[in-house]
Structures are given as C-alpha cells and as structure tokens.
Amino acid sequence: MLLFKKVADLQQYLQKISNEGKTIGFVPTMGALHQGHLSLVNRAKSEASCTVVSIFVNPTQFNDKKDLKKYPRTLGNDIEMLSSVQTTVLFAPSVEEVYPKGLDTSLDLDFGQLATVMEGAFRPGHFDGMAQVVHRLLDIVKPDMLFMGQKDFQQLTIVRSMLKQLNHKTSLVVCPIIREKDGLAMSSRNRRLTPTYREKAVLLSQILSKVKSNIHNRTPESMSKMALKTLTDAGFRPEYFDIVDGVTLQPVKQFTDSDFIVALTAAWAGEIRLIDNMVLKEQKKAILA
C-alpha cells in the first residue's frame, strides 16, 4: 500500500494510473476504521483497477467543535487494517493540503429540502461542509467511481444531488450497511459507547425491523410515534424517527404513497449520537445499486 500526504504527489501517481487506462475507485473516510469501511474498500477493489482510500477528519462538517475534538483518530490501526485488505493507495492529508490558503473550495449548490430535514435540522451547516469536502476530494482524486455506505443515507442523497447538479463524471456506488452480530450498525462512534448503552444500542435496528414488518397494517405516523416512545422509554434521547420517500426525503402519510420508502433515525445514547436507517419498501433497485 502506498501512503500519500501531499496532493501533488498523489495526483502525479494517479495520473499515471489514468494514463494506463486503469479505473480509479475512491472511498472517502474520516478514519477510526471498522469492518464497514473495509467492505467499501473490498467493493471498490472488485470494480476498479486502483482503490484510493482517504482519511481526513473534515472540520467544516462539525457544527459542534467539541465533537470534532473528540472524534477518534487511530491512523496507525487504520493503516494496518487497510494493508490487510491490500488497499492500493491511502491518502492522509493535512487540513492545509485539503484547504490551502487562496483556494476557493466553496460550493454554490441548492440542495433544497434534502438538506433541511432530519440531520439538516439538528446539525446546521453539516451538509454544506460535507459536500464541500467530498467535492474537494473528488477534484483531487478524480475517480471513476465513488463508494459510500448506506448508513449515511441522507448524505448519500445529497452527494447524488451534487454529482447531478455538477454533471460530474464520477459515478456513485452505494454499499449496504454492515452491522455487528447483534444488529447495531457499525460506526466509529460505537467504541465510545458505555457498556450499558452498547448493550442497549441494538434497539435502533430492532425498531427499524419492527417498522418494516408492520408496513401493511400500520401508518407511518403511528410507527414513528411508537419508535420515538420506545427509544425514550429505554433511556435514549431521540432526535427524529422519520419515514420518508427515499428520493425526496419528504415524509409519507401512507406506505402506498411511494415505491421507495426509508425509515431514518438519530438518537443520543448518553453522550454518543447514533444514526441508523432501513429501506422499508423498494422497487427502484437502481437507487441502491
């Protein structure tokens, strides 16, 4: 595995790869890697000639600076994990490399209601920062394919919108959520859970599964209320449990309102914020292809 910390050095290497007619797959991460990340790397390896993984804790997408400071940084362990799956390239730049002085990396895009609901309502500015860094990294790496996980479903929707608005040549490849044996969605934040909350955290996926099994005999509103109450009674502090159209991210009143419906939730487990989602109904297979 090759490690690059400078943009110029990485681009020089990738230009040679591109000149040879090889395809480049890109997996952007913020480090603190787990098996979910490695599943993205393995997917990229199966579809691209060269797999590039970035590790960059992006300051512009943290609306809470304390959260940025607490975010786990485990570069040594991350390198070992990426080496174990024979990653081609690791890009681990500094903030100054990604956002050099004098370079305007801002974006003038309109995500509309995609960015104002759910995460957007509770984390103001988050998606602007996320889109900014993804666009910047795409500009650096210039990949043929971008591999991202379904766990950040709203983020995926906004990245898809960004690529469409910019008529970007990079194609988005969405990979399924990887879960622990008990069903908890893998996350870098899980390692910060207390033992008590780690044991209870599986409740999020259990509720999502329960909602999915009841789409034929309950309304979305009643299921959302049930989910919020169940989480609250268990000691969580839920921010939302929304059942939405998987394309527009707008709430559905009936499960017959759309042929692509997703339930998304965010809840505080003590001091750790967890998110999860589950596709409840899907006929548009290309959406998560």
C-alpha atoms as a PDB file:
ATOM      1  CA  MET A   1       0.000   0.000   0.000  1.00  0.00           C
ATOM      2  CA  LEU A   2       1.233   3.461  -0.918  1.00  0.00           C
ATOM      3  CA  LEU A   3       0.735   6.346   1.521  1.00  0.00           C
ATOM      4  CA  PHE A   4       0.457   9.913   0.253  1.00  0.00           C
ATOM      5  CA  LYS A   5       0.125  13.028   2.364  1.00  0.00           C
ATOM      6  CA  LYS A   6       0.615  15.651  -0.349  1.00  0.00           C
ATOM      7  CA  VAL A   7      -1.944  16.419  -3.037  1.00  0.00           C
ATOM      8  CA  ALA A   8       0.685  16.926  -5.752  1.00  0.00           C
ATOM      9  CA  ASP A   9       2.347  13.567  -5.078  1.00  0.00           C
ATOM     10  CA  LEU A  10      -0.976  11.708  -5.098  1.00  0.00           C
ATOM     11  CA  GLN A  11      -2.103  13.357  -8.321  1.00  0.00           C
ATOM     12  CA  GLN A  12       1.181  12.570 -10.053  1.00  0.00           C
ATOM     13  CA  TYR A  13       0.761   8.884  -9.192  1.00  0.00           C
ATOM     14  CA  LEU A  14      -2.918   8.732 -10.150  1.00  0.00           C
ATOM     15  CA  GLN A  15      -2.270  10.480 -13.453  1.00  0.00           C
ATOM     16  CA  LYS A  16      -0.008   7.571 -14.407  1.00  0.00           C
ATOM     17  CA  ILE A  17      -2.744   5.117 -13.444  1.00  0.00           C
ATOM     18  CA  SER A  18      -5.269   7.014 -15.549  1.00  0.00           C
ATOM     19  CA  ASN A  19      -2.877   7.262 -18.496  1.00  0.00           C
ATOM     20  CA  GLU A  20      -2.590   3.462 -18.455  1.00  0.00           C
ATOM     21  CA  GLY A  21      -6.350   3.234 -18.970  1.00  0.00           C
ATOM     22  CA  LYS A  22      -6.992   1.895 -15.479  1.00  0.00           C
ATOM     23  CA  THR A  23     -10.047   2.842 -13.453  1.00  0.00           C
ATOM     24  CA  ILE A  24      -9.891   4.519 -10.044  1.00  0.00           C
ATOM     25  CA  GLY A  25     -12.257   3.748  -7.174  1.00  0.00           C
ATOM     26  CA  PHE A  26     -12.419   6.129  -4.225  1.00  0.00           C
ATOM     27  CA  VAL A  27     -13.507   5.541  -0.616  1.00  0.00           C
ATOM     28  CA  PRO A  28     -13.536   8.740   1.491  1.00  0.00           C
ATOM     29  CA  THR A  29     -13.387   8.209   5.278  1.00  0.00           C
ATOM     30  CA  MET A  30     -12.653  10.097   8.472  1.00  0.00           C
ATOM     31  CA  GLY A  31     -10.621   7.230   9.869  1.00  0.00           C
ATOM     32  CA  ALA A  32     -11.299   5.164  13.001  1.00  0.00           C
ATOM     33  CA  LEU A  33     -11.929   2.375  10.515  1.00  0.00           C
ATOM     34  CA  HIS A  34     -14.021  -0.743  11.087  1.00  0.00           C
ATOM     35  CA  GLN A  35     -15.298  -3.650   9.004  1.00  0.00           C
ATOM     36  CA  GLY A  36     -17.949  -1.423   7.443  1.00  0.00           C
ATOM     37  CA  HIS A  37     -15.233   0.702   5.881  1.00  0.00           C
ATOM     38  CA  LEU A  38     -13.339  -2.376   4.733  1.00  0.00           C
ATOM     39  CA  SER A  39     -16.481  -3.621   2.978  1.00  0.00           C
ATOM     40  CA  LEU A  40     -16.401  -0.422   0.907  1.00  0.00           C
ATOM     41  CA  VAL A  41     -12.727  -0.992   0.117  1.00  0.00           C
ATOM     42  CA  ASN A  42     -13.386  -4.572  -0.955  1.00  0.00           C
ATOM     43  CA  ARG A  43     -16.283  -3.442  -3.163  1.00  0.00           C
ATOM     44  CA  ALA A  44     -14.053  -0.815  -4.748  1.00  0.00           C
ATOM     45  CA  LYS A  45     -11.306  -3.381  -5.322  1.00  0.00           C
ATOM     46  CA  SER A  46     -13.779  -5.652  -7.099  1.00  0.00           C
ATOM     47  CA  GLU A  47     -14.856  -2.915  -9.510  1.00  0.00           C
ATOM     48  CA  ALA A  48     -11.825  -0.648 -10.014  1.00  0.00           C
ATOM     49  CA  SER A  49      -8.209  -1.192 -11.009  1.00  0.00           C
ATOM     50  CA  CYS A  50      -6.873   1.147  -8.332  1.00  0.00           C
ATOM     51  CA  THR A  51      -8.501   1.746  -4.940  1.00  0.00           C
ATOM     52  CA  VAL A  52      -7.836   5.030  -3.141  1.00  0.00           C
ATOM     53  CA  VAL A  53      -8.917   5.490   0.485  1.00  0.00           C
ATOM     54  CA  SER A  54      -8.735   8.894   2.133  1.00  0.00           C
ATOM     55  CA  ILE A  55      -8.539   9.528   5.861  1.00  0.00           C
ATOM     56  CA  PHE A  56      -9.399  13.111   6.663  1.00  0.00           C
ATOM     57  CA  VAL A  57     -11.327  14.414   9.664  1.00  0.00           C
ATOM     58  CA  ASN A  58     -13.068  17.314   7.973  1.00  0.00           C
ATOM     59  CA  PRO A  59     -13.501  20.300  10.295  1.00  0.00           C
ATOM     60  CA  THR A  60     -16.098  22.062   8.130  1.00  0.00           C
ATOM     61  CA  GLN A  61     -18.817  19.450   8.697  1.00  0.00           C
ATOM     62  CA  PHE A  62     -18.736  19.515  12.507  1.00  0.00           C
ATOM     63  CA  ASN A  63     -21.231  22.045  13.856  1.00  0.00           C
ATOM     64  CA  ASP A  64     -20.035  21.132  17.374  1.00  0.00           C
ATOM     65  CA  LYS A  65     -16.300  21.779  17.784  1.00  0.00           C
ATOM     66  CA  LYS A  66     -16.243  19.580  20.883  1.00  0.00           C
ATOM     67  CA  ASP A  67     -17.414  16.680  18.732  1.00  0.00           C
ATOM     68  CA  LEU A  68     -14.588  17.401  16.288  1.00  0.00           C
ATOM     69  CA  LYS A  69     -12.047  17.326  19.111  1.00  0.00           C
ATOM     70  CA  LYS A  70     -13.414  14.054  20.487  1.00  0.00           C
ATOM     71  CA  TYR A  71     -13.581  12.294  17.125  1.00  0.00           C
ATOM     72  CA  PRO A  72     -11.303   9.219  17.340  1.00  0.00           C
ATOM     73  CA  ARG A  73      -8.046   9.373  15.419  1.00  0.00           C
ATOM     74  CA  THR A  74      -6.370   5.985  15.014  1.00  0.00           C
ATOM     75  CA  LEU A  75      -4.131   6.323  11.962  1.00  0.00           C
ATOM     76  CA  GLY A  76      -1.731   3.536  12.950  1.00  0.00           C
ATOM     77  CA  ASN A  77      -4.508   0.992  13.351  1.00  0.00           C
ATOM     78  CA  ASP A  78      -6.231   2.288  10.216  1.00  0.00           C
ATOM     79  CA  ILE A  79      -3.086   1.707   8.171  1.00  0.00           C
ATOM     80  CA  GLU A  80      -2.860  -1.868   9.441  1.00  0.00           C
ATOM     81  CA  MET A  81      -6.494  -2.536   8.530  1.00  0.00           C
ATOM     82  CA  LEU A  82      -6.155  -1.089   5.041  1.00  0.00           C
ATOM     83  CA  SER A  83      -2.944  -3.037   4.466  1.00  0.00           C
ATOM     84  CA  SER A  84      -4.722  -6.251   5.483  1.00  0.00           C
ATOM     85  CA  VAL A  85      -7.143  -5.919   2.554  1.00  0.00           C
ATOM     86  CA  GLN A  86      -4.411  -4.808   0.152  1.00  0.00           C
ATOM     87  CA  THR A  87      -5.614  -1.269  -0.423  1.00  0.00           C
ATOM     88  CA  THR A  88      -3.747   0.343  -3.324  1.00  0.00           C
ATOM     89  CA  VAL A  89      -3.414   3.898  -2.029  1.00  0.00           C
ATOM     90  CA  LEU A  90      -4.020   5.704   1.266  1.00  0.00           C
ATOM     91  CA  PHE A  91      -4.343   9.484   1.140  1.00  0.00           C
ATOM     92  CA  ALA A  92      -3.951  11.078   4.579  1.00  0.00           C
ATOM     93  CA  PRO A  93      -3.648  14.830   4.048  1.00  0.00           C
ATOM     94  CA  SER A  94      -3.442  17.710   6.491  1.00  0.00           C
ATOM     95  CA  VAL A  95      -6.129  20.381   6.675  1.00  0.00           C
ATOM     96  CA  GLU A  96      -3.737  22.726   4.868  1.00  0.00           C
ATOM     97  CA  GLU A  97      -3.439  20.307   1.944  1.00  0.00           C
ATOM     98  CA  VAL A  98      -7.200  19.954   1.538  1.00  0.00           C
ATOM     99  CA  TYR A  99      -7.976  23.628   2.157  1.00  0.00           C
ATOM    100  CA  PRO A 100      -4.882  25.563   1.068  1.00  0.00           C
ATOM    101  CA  LYS A 101      -4.848  29.319   1.527  1.00  0.00           C
ATOM    102  CA  GLY A 102      -6.034  31.162  -1.558  1.00  0.00           C
ATOM    103  CA  LEU A 103      -8.064  28.281  -2.982  1.00  0.00           C
ATOM    104  CA  ASP A 104     -11.827  28.787  -3.037  1.00  0.00           C
ATOM    105  CA  THR A 105     -13.360  25.392  -2.202  1.00  0.00           C
ATOM    106  CA  SER A 106     -16.870  26.693  -1.559  1.00  0.00           C
ATOM    107  CA  LEU A 107     -19.851  25.346  -3.481  1.00  0.00           C
ATOM    108  CA  ASP A 108     -22.844  27.258  -4.768  1.00  0.00           C
ATOM    109  CA  LEU A 109     -25.411  24.480  -4.967  1.00  0.00           C
ATOM    110  CA  ASP A 110     -29.036  24.254  -3.920  1.00  0.00           C
ATOM    111  CA  PHE A 111     -29.963  21.026  -2.140  1.00  0.00           C
ATOM    112  CA  GLY A 112     -33.397  22.355  -1.224  1.00  0.00           C
ATOM    113  CA  GLN A 113     -35.359  20.281   1.261  1.00  0.00           C
ATOM    114  CA  LEU A 114     -32.873  17.411   1.031  1.00  0.00           C
ATOM    115  CA  ALA A 115     -30.597  19.334   3.392  1.00  0.00           C
ATOM    116  CA  THR A 116     -33.152  20.865   5.762  1.00  0.00           C
ATOM    117  CA  VAL A 117     -34.865  17.770   7.174  1.00  0.00           C
ATOM    118  CA  MET A 118     -33.589  15.234   9.732  1.00  0.00           C
ATOM    119  CA  GLU A 119     -29.800  15.666  10.020  1.00  0.00           C
ATOM    120  CA  GLY A 120     -30.054  19.103   8.444  1.00  0.00           C
ATOM    121  CA  ALA A 121     -32.484  20.262  11.111  1.00  0.00           C
ATOM    122  CA  PHE A 122     -30.287  19.103  14.006  1.00  0.00           C
ATOM    123  CA  ARG A 123     -26.827  19.736  12.531  1.00  0.00           C
ATOM    124  CA  PRO A 124     -26.904  23.134  10.790  1.00  0.00           C
ATOM    125  CA  GLY A 125     -24.107  23.568   8.265  1.00  0.00           C
ATOM    126  CA  HIS A 126     -23.175  19.887   8.335  1.00  0.00           C
ATOM    127  CA  PHE A 127     -24.165  19.104   4.761  1.00  0.00           C
ATOM    128  CA  ASP A 128     -22.550  22.242   3.362  1.00  0.00           C
ATOM    129  CA  GLY A 129     -19.266  21.124   4.923  1.00  0.00           C
ATOM    130  CA  MET A 130     -19.760  17.531   3.817  1.00  0.00           C
ATOM    131  CA  ALA A 131     -20.485  18.486   0.215  1.00  0.00           C
ATOM    132  CA  GLN A 132     -17.541  20.871   0.234  1.00  0.00           C
ATOM    133  CA  VAL A 133     -15.027  18.228   1.297  1.00  0.00           C
ATOM    134  CA  VAL A 134     -16.421  15.477  -0.933  1.00  0.00           C
ATOM    135  CA  HIS A 135     -16.242  17.806  -3.930  1.00  0.00           C
ATOM    136  CA  ARG A 136     -12.722  18.862  -2.993  1.00  0.00           C
ATOM    137  CA  LEU A 137     -11.559  15.257  -2.591  1.00  0.00           C
ATOM    138  CA  LEU A 138     -13.163  14.298  -5.894  1.00  0.00           C
ATOM    139  CA  ASP A 139     -11.304  17.180  -7.510  1.00  0.00           C
ATOM    140  CA  ILE A 140      -8.048  15.857  -6.045  1.00  0.00           C
ATOM    141  CA  VAL A 141      -8.508  12.131  -6.752  1.00  0.00           C
ATOM    142  CA  LYS A 142     -10.590  12.370  -9.946  1.00  0.00           C
ATOM    143  CA  PRO A 143     -12.024   8.851  -9.507  1.00  0.00           C
ATOM    144  CA  ASP A 144     -14.236   6.972 -11.905  1.00  0.00           C
ATOM    145  CA  MET A 145     -16.319   5.598  -9.026  1.00  0.00           C
ATOM    146  CA  LEU A 146     -17.139   6.883  -5.555  1.00  0.00           C
ATOM    147  CA  PHE A 147     -18.014   4.206  -2.970  1.00  0.00           C
ATOM    148  CA  MET A 148     -20.139   5.219   0.023  1.00  0.00           C
ATOM    149  CA  GLY A 149     -22.187   3.341   2.615  1.00  0.00           C
ATOM    150  CA  GLN A 150     -25.954   3.378   3.004  1.00  0.00           C
ATOM    151  CA  LYS A 151     -25.651   4.119   6.731  1.00  0.00           C
ATOM    152  CA  ASP A 152     -25.420   7.852   5.976  1.00  0.00           C
ATOM    153  CA  PHE A 153     -28.477   7.732   3.744  1.00  0.00           C
ATOM    154  CA  GLN A 154     -29.249  11.448   3.729  1.00  0.00           C
ATOM    155  CA  GLN A 155     -25.612  12.189   2.986  1.00  0.00           C
ATOM    156  CA  LEU A 156     -25.769   9.826   0.009  1.00  0.00           C
ATOM    157  CA  THR A 157     -28.844  11.584  -1.296  1.00  0.00           C
ATOM    158  CA  ILE A 158     -27.110  14.948  -1.138  1.00  0.00           C
ATOM    159  CA  VAL A 159     -23.924  13.642  -2.760  1.00  0.00           C
ATOM    160  CA  ARG A 160     -26.055  12.188  -5.550  1.00  0.00           C
ATOM    161  CA  SER A 161     -27.714  15.578  -5.975  1.00  0.00           C
ATOM    162  CA  MET A 162     -24.327  17.302  -6.026  1.00  0.00           C
ATOM    163  CA  LEU A 163     -22.988  14.982  -8.724  1.00  0.00           C
ATOM    164  CA  LYS A 164     -26.119  15.531 -10.802  1.00  0.00           C
ATOM    165  CA  GLN A 165     -26.079  19.321 -10.427  1.00  0.00           C
ATOM    166  CA  LEU A 166     -22.414  19.470 -11.430  1.00  0.00           C
ATOM    167  CA  ASN A 167     -22.848  16.919 -14.224  1.00  0.00           C
ATOM    168  CA  HIS A 168     -19.915  15.124 -12.614  1.00  0.00           C
ATOM    169  CA  LYS A 169     -18.251  12.234 -14.400  1.00  0.00           C
ATOM    170  CA  THR A 170     -17.785  10.201 -11.209  1.00  0.00           C
ATOM    171  CA  SER A 171     -20.442   7.551 -10.607  1.00  0.00           C
ATOM    172  CA  LEU A 172     -21.768   6.910  -7.097  1.00  0.00           C
ATOM    173  CA  VAL A 173     -21.772   3.313  -5.863  1.00  0.00           C
ATOM    174  CA  VAL A 174     -23.901   2.741  -2.752  1.00  0.00           C
ATOM    175  CA  CYS A 175     -22.911  -0.141  -0.480  1.00  0.00           C
ATOM    176  CA  PRO A 176     -25.135  -1.801   2.164  1.00  0.00           C
ATOM    177  CA  ILE A 177     -24.925  -1.161   5.903  1.00  0.00           C
ATOM    178  CA  ILE A 178     -22.610  -3.546   7.720  1.00  0.00           C
ATOM    179  CA  ARG A 179     -23.892  -4.499  11.159  1.00  0.00           C
ATOM    180  CA  GLU A 180     -22.480  -6.070  14.290  1.00  0.00           C
ATOM    181  CA  LYS A 181     -23.674  -9.582  15.155  1.00  0.00           C
ATOM    182  CA  ASP A 182     -26.440  -8.132  17.335  1.00  0.00           C
ATOM    183  CA  GLY A 183     -27.645  -5.798  14.574  1.00  0.00           C
ATOM    184  CA  LEU A 184     -26.052  -2.486  15.606  1.00  0.00           C
ATOM    185  CA  ALA A 185     -24.897  -0.547  12.551  1.00  0.00           C
ATOM    186  CA  MET A 186     -21.110  -0.343  12.548  1.00  0.00           C
ATOM    187  CA  SER A 187     -19.837   3.140  13.343  1.00  0.00           C
ATOM    188  CA  SER A 188     -16.619   4.757  14.500  1.00  0.00           C
ATOM    189  CA  ARG A 189     -18.646   6.243  17.349  1.00  0.00           C
ATOM    190  CA  ASN A 190     -19.647   2.837  18.738  1.00  0.00           C
ATOM    191  CA  ARG A 191     -16.310   2.448  20.507  1.00  0.00           C
ATOM    192  CA  ARG A 192     -17.210   5.471  22.648  1.00  0.00           C
ATOM    193  CA  LEU A 193     -20.450   3.930  23.957  1.00  0.00           C
ATOM    194  CA  THR A 194     -20.591   2.973  27.630  1.00  0.00           C
ATOM    195  CA  PRO A 195     -21.065  -0.772  28.234  1.00  0.00           C
ATOM    196  CA  THR A 196     -24.680  -0.155  29.251  1.00  0.00           C
ATOM    197  CA  TYR A 197     -25.548   1.827  26.144  1.00  0.00           C
ATOM    198  CA  ARG A 198     -23.596  -0.528  23.892  1.00  0.00           C
ATOM    199  CA  GLU A 199     -25.833  -3.348  25.107  1.00  0.00           C
ATOM    200  CA  LYS A 200     -28.972  -1.294  24.535  1.00  0.00           C
ATOM    201  CA  ALA A 201     -27.911   0.273  21.216  1.00  0.00           C
ATOM    202  CA  VAL A 202     -29.207  -2.706  19.219  1.00  0.00           C
ATOM    203  CA  LEU A 203     -32.669  -1.297  19.947  1.00  0.00           C
ATOM    204  CA  LEU A 204     -32.333   1.096  17.000  1.00  0.00           C
ATOM    205  CA  SER A 205     -32.075  -1.696  14.436  1.00  0.00           C
ATOM    206  CA  GLN A 206     -34.715  -3.740  16.247  1.00  0.00           C
ATOM    207  CA  ILE A 207     -37.212  -0.884  15.995  1.00  0.00           C
ATOM    208  CA  LEU A 208     -36.405  -0.356  12.320  1.00  0.00           C
ATOM    209  CA  SER A 209     -37.033  -4.046  11.669  1.00  0.00           C
ATOM    210  CA  LYS A 210     -40.319  -3.878  13.578  1.00  0.00           C
ATOM    211  CA  VAL A 211     -41.449  -0.932  11.483  1.00  0.00           C
ATOM    212  CA  LYS A 212     -40.566  -2.796   8.298  1.00  0.00           C
ATOM    213  CA  SER A 213     -42.610  -5.807   9.373  1.00  0.00           C
ATOM    214  CA  ASN A 214     -45.660  -3.618  10.025  1.00  0.00           C
ATOM    215  CA  ILE A 215     -45.877  -1.527   6.870  1.00  0.00           C
ATOM    216  CA  HIS A 216     -49.010  -3.382   5.744  1.00  0.00           C
ATOM    217  CA  ASN A 217     -51.064  -2.818   8.888  1.00  0.00           C
ATOM    218  CA  ARG A 218     -49.853   0.447  10.478  1.00  0.00           C
ATOM    219  CA  THR A 219     -49.472   4.047   9.303  1.00  0.00           C
ATOM    220  CA  PRO A 220     -46.083   5.768   9.077  1.00  0.00           C
ATOM    221  CA  GLU A 221     -47.168   8.315  11.696  1.00  0.00           C
ATOM    222  CA  SER A 222     -48.192   5.667  14.223  1.00  0.00           C
ATOM    223  CA  MET A 223     -44.967   3.737  13.686  1.00  0.00           C
ATOM    224  CA  SER A 224     -42.870   6.884  14.125  1.00  0.00           C
ATOM    225  CA  LYS A 225     -44.630   7.706  17.393  1.00  0.00           C
ATOM    226  CA  MET A 226     -44.120   4.131  18.597  1.00  0.00           C
ATOM    227  CA  ALA A 227     -40.429   4.260  17.736  1.00  0.00           C
ATOM    228  CA  LEU A 228     -39.817   7.575  19.490  1.00  0.00           C
ATOM    229  CA  LYS A 229     -41.619   6.421  22.620  1.00  0.00           C
ATOM    230  CA  THR A 230     -39.756   3.101  22.700  1.00  0.00           C
ATOM    231  CA  LEU A 231     -36.392   4.835  22.395  1.00  0.00           C
ATOM    232  CA  THR A 232     -37.270   7.401  25.051  1.00  0.00           C
ATOM    233  CA  ASP A 233     -38.560   4.756  27.467  1.00  0.00           C
ATOM    234  CA  ALA A 234     -35.268   2.861  27.026  1.00  0.00           C
ATOM    235  CA  GLY A 235     -33.230   5.877  28.098  1.00  0.00           C
ATOM    236  CA  PHE A 236     -32.247   7.262  24.696  1.00  0.00           C
ATOM    237  CA  ARG A 237     -32.776  10.868  23.622  1.00  0.00           C
ATOM    238  CA  PRO A 238     -34.163  10.524  20.096  1.00  0.00           C
ATOM    239  CA  GLU A 239     -33.962  13.496  17.764  1.00  0.00           C
ATOM    240  CA  TYR A 240     -36.072  12.056  14.997  1.00  0.00           C
ATOM    241  CA  PHE A 241     -37.565   8.887  13.603  1.00  0.00           C
ATOM    242  CA  ASP A 242     -38.813   9.764  10.135  1.00  0.00           C
ATOM    243  CA  ILE A 243     -40.376   7.604   7.460  1.00  0.00           C
ATOM    244  CA  VAL A 244     -39.756   9.255   4.118  1.00  0.00           C
ATOM    245  CA  ASP A 245     -39.694   8.914   0.373  1.00  0.00           C
ATOM    246  CA  GLY A 246     -36.245   7.580  -0.472  1.00  0.00           C
ATOM    247  CA  VAL A 247     -35.696  10.111  -3.258  1.00  0.00           C
ATOM    248  CA  THR A 248     -37.198  13.359  -1.945  1.00  0.00           C
ATOM    249  CA  LEU A 249     -36.664  12.629   1.791  1.00  0.00           C
ATOM    250  CA  GLN A 250     -40.118  14.049   2.457  1.00  0.00           C
ATOM    251  CA  PRO A 251     -42.463  12.301   4.934  1.00  0.00           C
ATOM    252  CA  VAL A 252     -45.008   9.825   3.596  1.00  0.00           C
ATOM    253  CA  LYS A 253     -48.508   9.664   5.066  1.00  0.00           C
ATOM    254  CA  GLN A 254     -49.215   6.162   3.816  1.00  0.00           C
ATOM    255  CA  PHE A 255     -46.935   3.296   2.883  1.00  0.00           C
ATOM    256  CA  THR A 256     -48.651   3.295  -0.525  1.00  0.00           C
ATOM    257  CA  ASP A 257     -47.502   6.863  -1.246  1.00  0.00           C
ATOM    258  CA  SER A 258     -44.180   5.767  -2.741  1.00  0.00           C
ATOM    259  CA  ASP A 259     -42.492   2.642  -4.050  1.00  0.00           C
ATOM    260  CA  PHE A 260     -39.227   3.626  -2.311  1.00  0.00           C
ATOM    261  CA  ILE A 261     -39.604   4.298   1.417  1.00  0.00           C
ATOM    262  CA  VAL A 262     -36.896   4.566   4.068  1.00  0.00           C
ATOM    263  CA  ALA A 263     -37.024   4.926   7.859  1.00  0.00           C
ATOM    264  CA  LEU A 264     -34.236   7.022   9.366  1.00  0.00           C
ATOM    265  CA  THR A 265     -33.428   7.759  12.988  1.00  0.00           C
ATOM    266  CA  ALA A 266     -30.962   9.574  15.193  1.00  0.00           C
ATOM    267  CA  ALA A 267     -30.758   9.195  18.959  1.00  0.00           C
ATOM    268  CA  TRP A 268     -28.365  10.075  21.747  1.00  0.00           C
ATOM    269  CA  ALA A 269     -27.082   7.115  23.737  1.00  0.00           C
ATOM    270  CA  GLY A 270     -25.687   9.002  26.686  1.00  0.00           C
ATOM    271  CA  GLU A 271     -23.124  11.354  25.139  1.00  0.00           C
ATOM    272  CA  ILE A 272     -22.882   9.478  21.826  1.00  0.00           C
ATOM    273  CA  ARG A 273     -25.133  10.261  18.882  1.00  0.00           C
ATOM    274  CA  LEU A 274     -26.149   7.238  16.816  1.00  0.00           C
ATOM    275  CA  ILE A 275     -27.847   7.126  13.425  1.00  0.00           C
ATOM    276  CA  ASP A 276     -29.369   4.249  11.513  1.00  0.00           C
ATOM    277  CA  ASN A 277     -31.794   3.613   8.691  1.00  0.00           C
ATOM    278  CA  MET A 278     -33.551   0.827   6.865  1.00  0.00           C
ATOM    279  CA  VAL A 279     -35.186   0.594   3.453  1.00  0.00           C
ATOM    280  CA  LEU A 280     -38.787  -0.391   4.136  1.00  0.00           C
ATOM    281  CA  LYS A 281     -40.002  -0.626   0.578  1.00  0.00           C
ATOM    282  CA  GLU A 282     -38.041  -0.587  -2.643  1.00  0.00           C
ATOM    283  CA  GLN A 283     -38.812  -1.321  -6.257  1.00  0.00           C
ATOM    284  CA  LYS A 284     -36.287   1.072  -7.753  1.00  0.00           C
ATOM    285  CA  LYS A 285     -33.306  -1.261  -7.451  1.00  0.00           C
ATOM    286  CA  ALA A 286     -31.024   1.139  -9.251  1.00  0.00           C
ATOM    287  CA  ILE A 287     -31.221   3.592  -6.331  1.00  0.00           C
ATOM    288  CA  LEU A 288     -29.015   1.449  -4.105  1.00  0.00           C
ATOM    289  CA  ALA A 289     -27.090  -0.258  -6.874  1.00  0.00           C
END
